C-alpha atoms as a PDB file:
ATOM      1  CA  MET A   1     -19.964  -6.427  -6.165  1.00  0.00           C
ATOM      2  CA  GLN A   2     -22.505  -7.640  -8.690  1.00  0.00           C
ATOM      3  CA  LYS A   3     -23.856 -10.280  -6.297  1.00  0.00           C
ATOM      4  CA  ALA A   4     -24.590  -7.835  -3.485  1.00  0.00           C
ATOM      5  CA  SER A   5     -28.157  -6.666  -3.045  1.00  0.00           C
ATOM      6  CA  ARG A   6     -27.532  -3.723  -0.727  1.00  0.00           C
ATOM      7  CA  SER A   7     -25.983  -0.462  -1.839  1.00  0.00           C
ATOM      8  CA  ASP A   8     -23.830  -0.191   1.311  1.00  0.00           C
ATOM      9  CA  VAL A   9     -22.275  -3.612   0.604  1.00  0.00           C
ATOM     10  CA  LYS A  10     -21.574  -2.586  -3.007  1.00  0.00           C
ATOM     11  CA  SER A  11     -20.121   0.717  -1.853  1.00  0.00           C
ATOM     12  CA  TYR A  12     -17.902  -1.005   0.709  1.00  0.00           C
ATOM     13  CA  ALA A  13     -16.686  -3.502  -1.892  1.00  0.00           C
ATOM     14  CA  GLU A  14     -15.849  -0.699  -4.330  1.00  0.00           C
ATOM     15  CA  LYS A  15     -13.914   1.105  -1.596  1.00  0.00           C
ATOM     16  CA  LEU A  16     -11.984  -2.061  -0.769  1.00  0.00           C
ATOM     17  CA  VAL A  17     -11.024  -2.561  -4.402  1.00  0.00           C
ATOM     18  CA  SER A  18      -9.800   1.022  -4.727  1.00  0.00           C
ATOM     19  CA  ASP A  19      -7.972   1.096  -1.399  1.00  0.00           C
ATOM     20  CA  HIS A  20      -6.369  -2.317  -1.882  1.00  0.00           C
ATOM     21  CA  GLN A  21      -5.129  -1.410  -5.351  1.00  0.00           C
ATOM     22  CA  ARG A  22      -3.299   1.528  -3.784  1.00  0.00           C
ATOM     23  CA  TYR A  23      -2.119  -0.643  -0.859  1.00  0.00           C
ATOM     24  CA  ASN A  24      -0.880  -3.438  -3.135  1.00  0.00           C
ATOM     25  CA  LEU A  25       1.090  -1.017  -5.319  1.00  0.00           C
ATOM     26  CA  ALA A  26       2.780   0.423  -2.238  1.00  0.00           C
ATOM     27  CA  LEU A  27       3.427  -3.064  -0.856  1.00  0.00           C
ATOM     28  CA  GLU A  28       4.916  -4.196  -4.156  1.00  0.00           C
ATOM     29  CA  THR A  29       7.266  -1.196  -4.108  1.00  0.00           C
ATOM     30  CA  LEU A  30       8.220  -1.903  -0.481  1.00  0.00           C
ATOM     31  CA  GLY A  31       8.911  -5.526  -1.350  1.00  0.00           C
ATOM     32  CA  LYS A  32      11.105  -4.650  -4.322  1.00  0.00           C
ATOM     33  CA  GLU A  33      13.030  -2.003  -2.384  1.00  0.00           C
ATOM     34  CA  ASN A  34      13.669  -4.378   0.521  1.00  0.00           C
ATOM     35  CA  GLY A  35      14.134  -7.685  -1.290  1.00  0.00           C
ATOM     36  CA  LEU A  36      10.946  -9.190   0.098  1.00  0.00           C
ATOM     37  CA  ALA A  37       9.118 -11.981  -1.716  1.00  0.00           C
ATOM     38  CA  LEU A  38       5.383 -11.358  -1.746  1.00  0.00           C
ATOM     39  CA  PRO A  39       2.692 -14.002  -2.257  1.00  0.00           C
ATOM     40  CA  THR A  40       1.418 -14.283  -5.802  1.00  0.00           C
ATOM     41  CA  GLU A  41      -1.889 -15.985  -5.000  1.00  0.00           C
ATOM     42  CA  ILE A  42      -4.300 -16.414  -2.132  1.00  0.00           C
ATOM     43  CA  ASP A  43      -4.003 -19.369   0.238  1.00  0.00           C
ATOM     44  CA  SER A  44      -6.286 -22.415   0.131  1.00  0.00           C
ATOM     45  CA  ALA A  45      -8.456 -21.259   3.071  1.00  0.00           C
ATOM     46  CA  ASP A  46      -9.172 -17.945   1.353  1.00  0.00           C
ATOM     47  CA  LYS A  47      -9.826 -19.732  -1.955  1.00  0.00           C
ATOM     48  CA  SER A  48     -12.425 -21.845  -0.164  1.00  0.00           C
ATOM     49  CA  ARG A  49     -14.070 -18.764   1.370  1.00  0.00           C
ATOM     50  CA  LEU A  50     -14.126 -17.061  -2.007  1.00  0.00           C
ATOM     51  CA  SER A  51     -15.764 -20.138  -3.503  1.00  0.00           C
ATOM     52  CA  ASP A  52     -18.435 -20.011  -0.791  1.00  0.00           C
ATOM     53  CA  LEU A  53     -19.148 -16.361  -1.616  1.00  0.00           C
ATOM     54  CA  GLU A  54     -19.310 -17.037  -5.356  1.00  0.00           C
ATOM     55  CA  LYS A  55     -22.146 -19.515  -4.785  1.00  0.00           C
ATOM     56  CA  LEU A  56     -24.326 -16.876  -3.114  1.00  0.00           C
ATOM     57  CA  SER A  57     -26.171 -13.750  -4.164  1.00  0.00           C
ATOM     58  CA  GLY A  58     -28.518 -11.196  -2.668  1.00  0.00           C
ATOM     59  CA  LYS A  59     -29.082 -11.121   1.081  1.00  0.00           C
ATOM     60  CA  ALA A  60     -27.173 -14.369   1.695  1.00  0.00           C
ATOM     61  CA  PHE A  61     -24.162 -12.931  -0.118  1.00  0.00           C
ATOM     62  CA  ASP A  62     -24.426  -9.637   1.778  1.00  0.00           C
ATOM     63  CA  ALA A  63     -24.487 -11.394   5.168  1.00  0.00           C
ATOM     64  CA  LEU A  64     -21.505 -13.666   4.450  1.00  0.00           C
ATOM     65  CA  TYR A  65     -19.567 -10.838   2.788  1.00  0.00           C
ATOM     66  CA  ALA A  66     -20.035  -8.632   5.864  1.00  0.00           C
ATOM     67  CA  LYS A  67     -18.962 -11.456   8.183  1.00  0.00           C
ATOM     68  CA  GLU A  68     -15.893 -12.244   6.082  1.00  0.00           C
ATOM     69  CA  ALA A  69     -14.945  -8.573   5.744  1.00  0.00           C
ATOM     70  CA  LEU A  70     -14.918  -8.204   9.512  1.00  0.00           C
ATOM     71  CA  ARG A  71     -12.888 -11.404   9.963  1.00  0.00           C
ATOM     72  CA  ILE A  72     -10.332 -10.319   7.373  1.00  0.00           C
ATOM     73  CA  ASP A  73     -10.033  -6.817   8.838  1.00  0.00           C
ATOM     74  CA  ALA A  74      -9.435  -8.234  12.323  1.00  0.00           C
ATOM     75  CA  GLU A  75      -6.850 -10.653  10.926  1.00  0.00           C
ATOM     76  CA  ASP A  76      -5.091  -7.857   9.021  1.00  0.00           C
ATOM     77  CA  LYS A  77      -5.021  -5.674  12.128  1.00  0.00           C
ATOM     78  CA  ARG A  78      -3.559  -8.491  14.230  1.00  0.00           C
ATOM     79  CA  ASP A  79      -0.916  -9.276  11.589  1.00  0.00           C
ATOM     80  CA  SER A  80       0.037  -5.603  11.197  1.00  0.00           C
ATOM     81  CA  GLU A  81       0.393  -5.090  14.948  1.00  0.00           C
ATOM     82  CA  LYS A  82       2.516  -8.228  15.257  1.00  0.00           C
ATOM     83  CA  GLU A  83       4.748  -7.178  12.365  1.00  0.00           C
ATOM     84  CA  LYS A  84       5.087  -3.633  13.680  1.00  0.00           C
ATOM     85  CA  ALA A  85       6.141  -4.958  17.095  1.00  0.00           C
ATOM     86  CA  THR A  86       8.679  -7.454  15.761  1.00  0.00           C
ATOM     87  CA  THR A  87      10.192  -5.898  12.647  1.00  0.00           C
ATOM     88  CA  LYS A  88      13.521  -4.149  12.707  1.00  0.00           C
ATOM     89  CA  SER A  89      12.744  -2.413   9.425  1.00  0.00           C
ATOM     90  CA  GLU A  90      11.801   1.231   9.670  1.00  0.00           C
ATOM     91  CA  ALA A  91      10.415   1.009   6.124  1.00  0.00           C
ATOM     92  CA  ILE A  92       7.958  -1.704   7.174  1.00  0.00           C
ATOM     93  CA  ARG A  93       6.954   0.205  10.319  1.00  0.00           C
ATOM     94  CA  SER A  94       6.372   3.293   8.196  1.00  0.00           C
ATOM     95  CA  PHE A  95       4.327   1.314   5.661  1.00  0.00           C
ATOM     96  CA  ILE A  96       2.104  -0.069   8.430  1.00  0.00           C
ATOM     97  CA  ALA A  97       1.640   3.393   9.932  1.00  0.00           C
ATOM     98  CA  ASN A  98       0.780   4.884   6.528  1.00  0.00           C
ATOM     99  CA  PHE A  99      -2.084   2.440   6.069  1.00  0.00           C
ATOM    100  CA  ALA A 100      -3.320   2.262   9.673  1.00  0.00           C
ATOM    101  CA  ASP A 101      -6.118   4.774   9.047  1.00  0.00           C
ATOM    102  CA  MET A 102      -7.298   2.806   6.021  1.00  0.00           C
ATOM    103  CA  ASP A 103      -7.336  -0.411   8.058  1.00  0.00           C
ATOM    104  CA  ALA A 104      -9.261   1.274  10.876  1.00  0.00           C
ATOM    105  CA  GLU A 105     -11.807   2.704   8.447  1.00  0.00           C
ATOM    106  CA  HIS A 106     -12.297  -0.703   6.813  1.00  0.00           C
ATOM    107  CA  GLU A 107     -12.869  -2.286  10.212  1.00  0.00           C
ATOM    108  CA  THR A 108     -15.431   0.363  11.187  1.00  0.00           C
ATOM    109  CA  LEU A 109     -17.292  -0.038   7.902  1.00  0.00           C
ATOM    110  CA  ALA A 110     -17.185  -3.846   8.163  1.00  0.00           C
ATOM    111  CA  ARG A 111     -18.666  -3.678  11.672  1.00  0.00           C
ATOM    112  CA  GLN A 112     -21.475  -1.481  10.375  1.00  0.00           C
ATOM    113  CA  LEU A 113     -22.159  -3.924   7.541  1.00  0.00           C
ATOM    114  CA  GLU A 114     -22.205  -6.906   9.852  1.00  0.00           C
ATOM    115  CA  LYS A 115     -24.490  -5.129  12.317  1.00  0.00           C
ATOM    116  CA  SER A 116     -26.962  -4.182   9.590  1.00  0.00           C
ATOM    117  CA  SER A 117     -26.806  -7.685   8.072  1.00  0.00           C
ATOM    118  CA  GLY A 118     -27.591  -9.479  11.304  1.00  0.00           C
END
């Protein structure tokens, strides 16, 4: 958030932090209740992207952050829809449904950021 130059990028980042804290707590509970092992760190591709972002600041940071936010939101949406269609667990389907509005809002905001960064 500190590297962003635009207030809308900072605001979006703050929202993501808050929403994902709530999401991760719920996911952790779901995992424990259903015996699911959750990842404990990000994968190498995401580590590389994070490294790229850490090297930037200002407008360059804002533009890449907006692009990455949109990519991640689209990936999350695709993964959620796939899981919802294939899972036999009602608890997982319910979890996905409970956070669908949050995911949709993040995607809308990410599209707005990308559009205004381009």
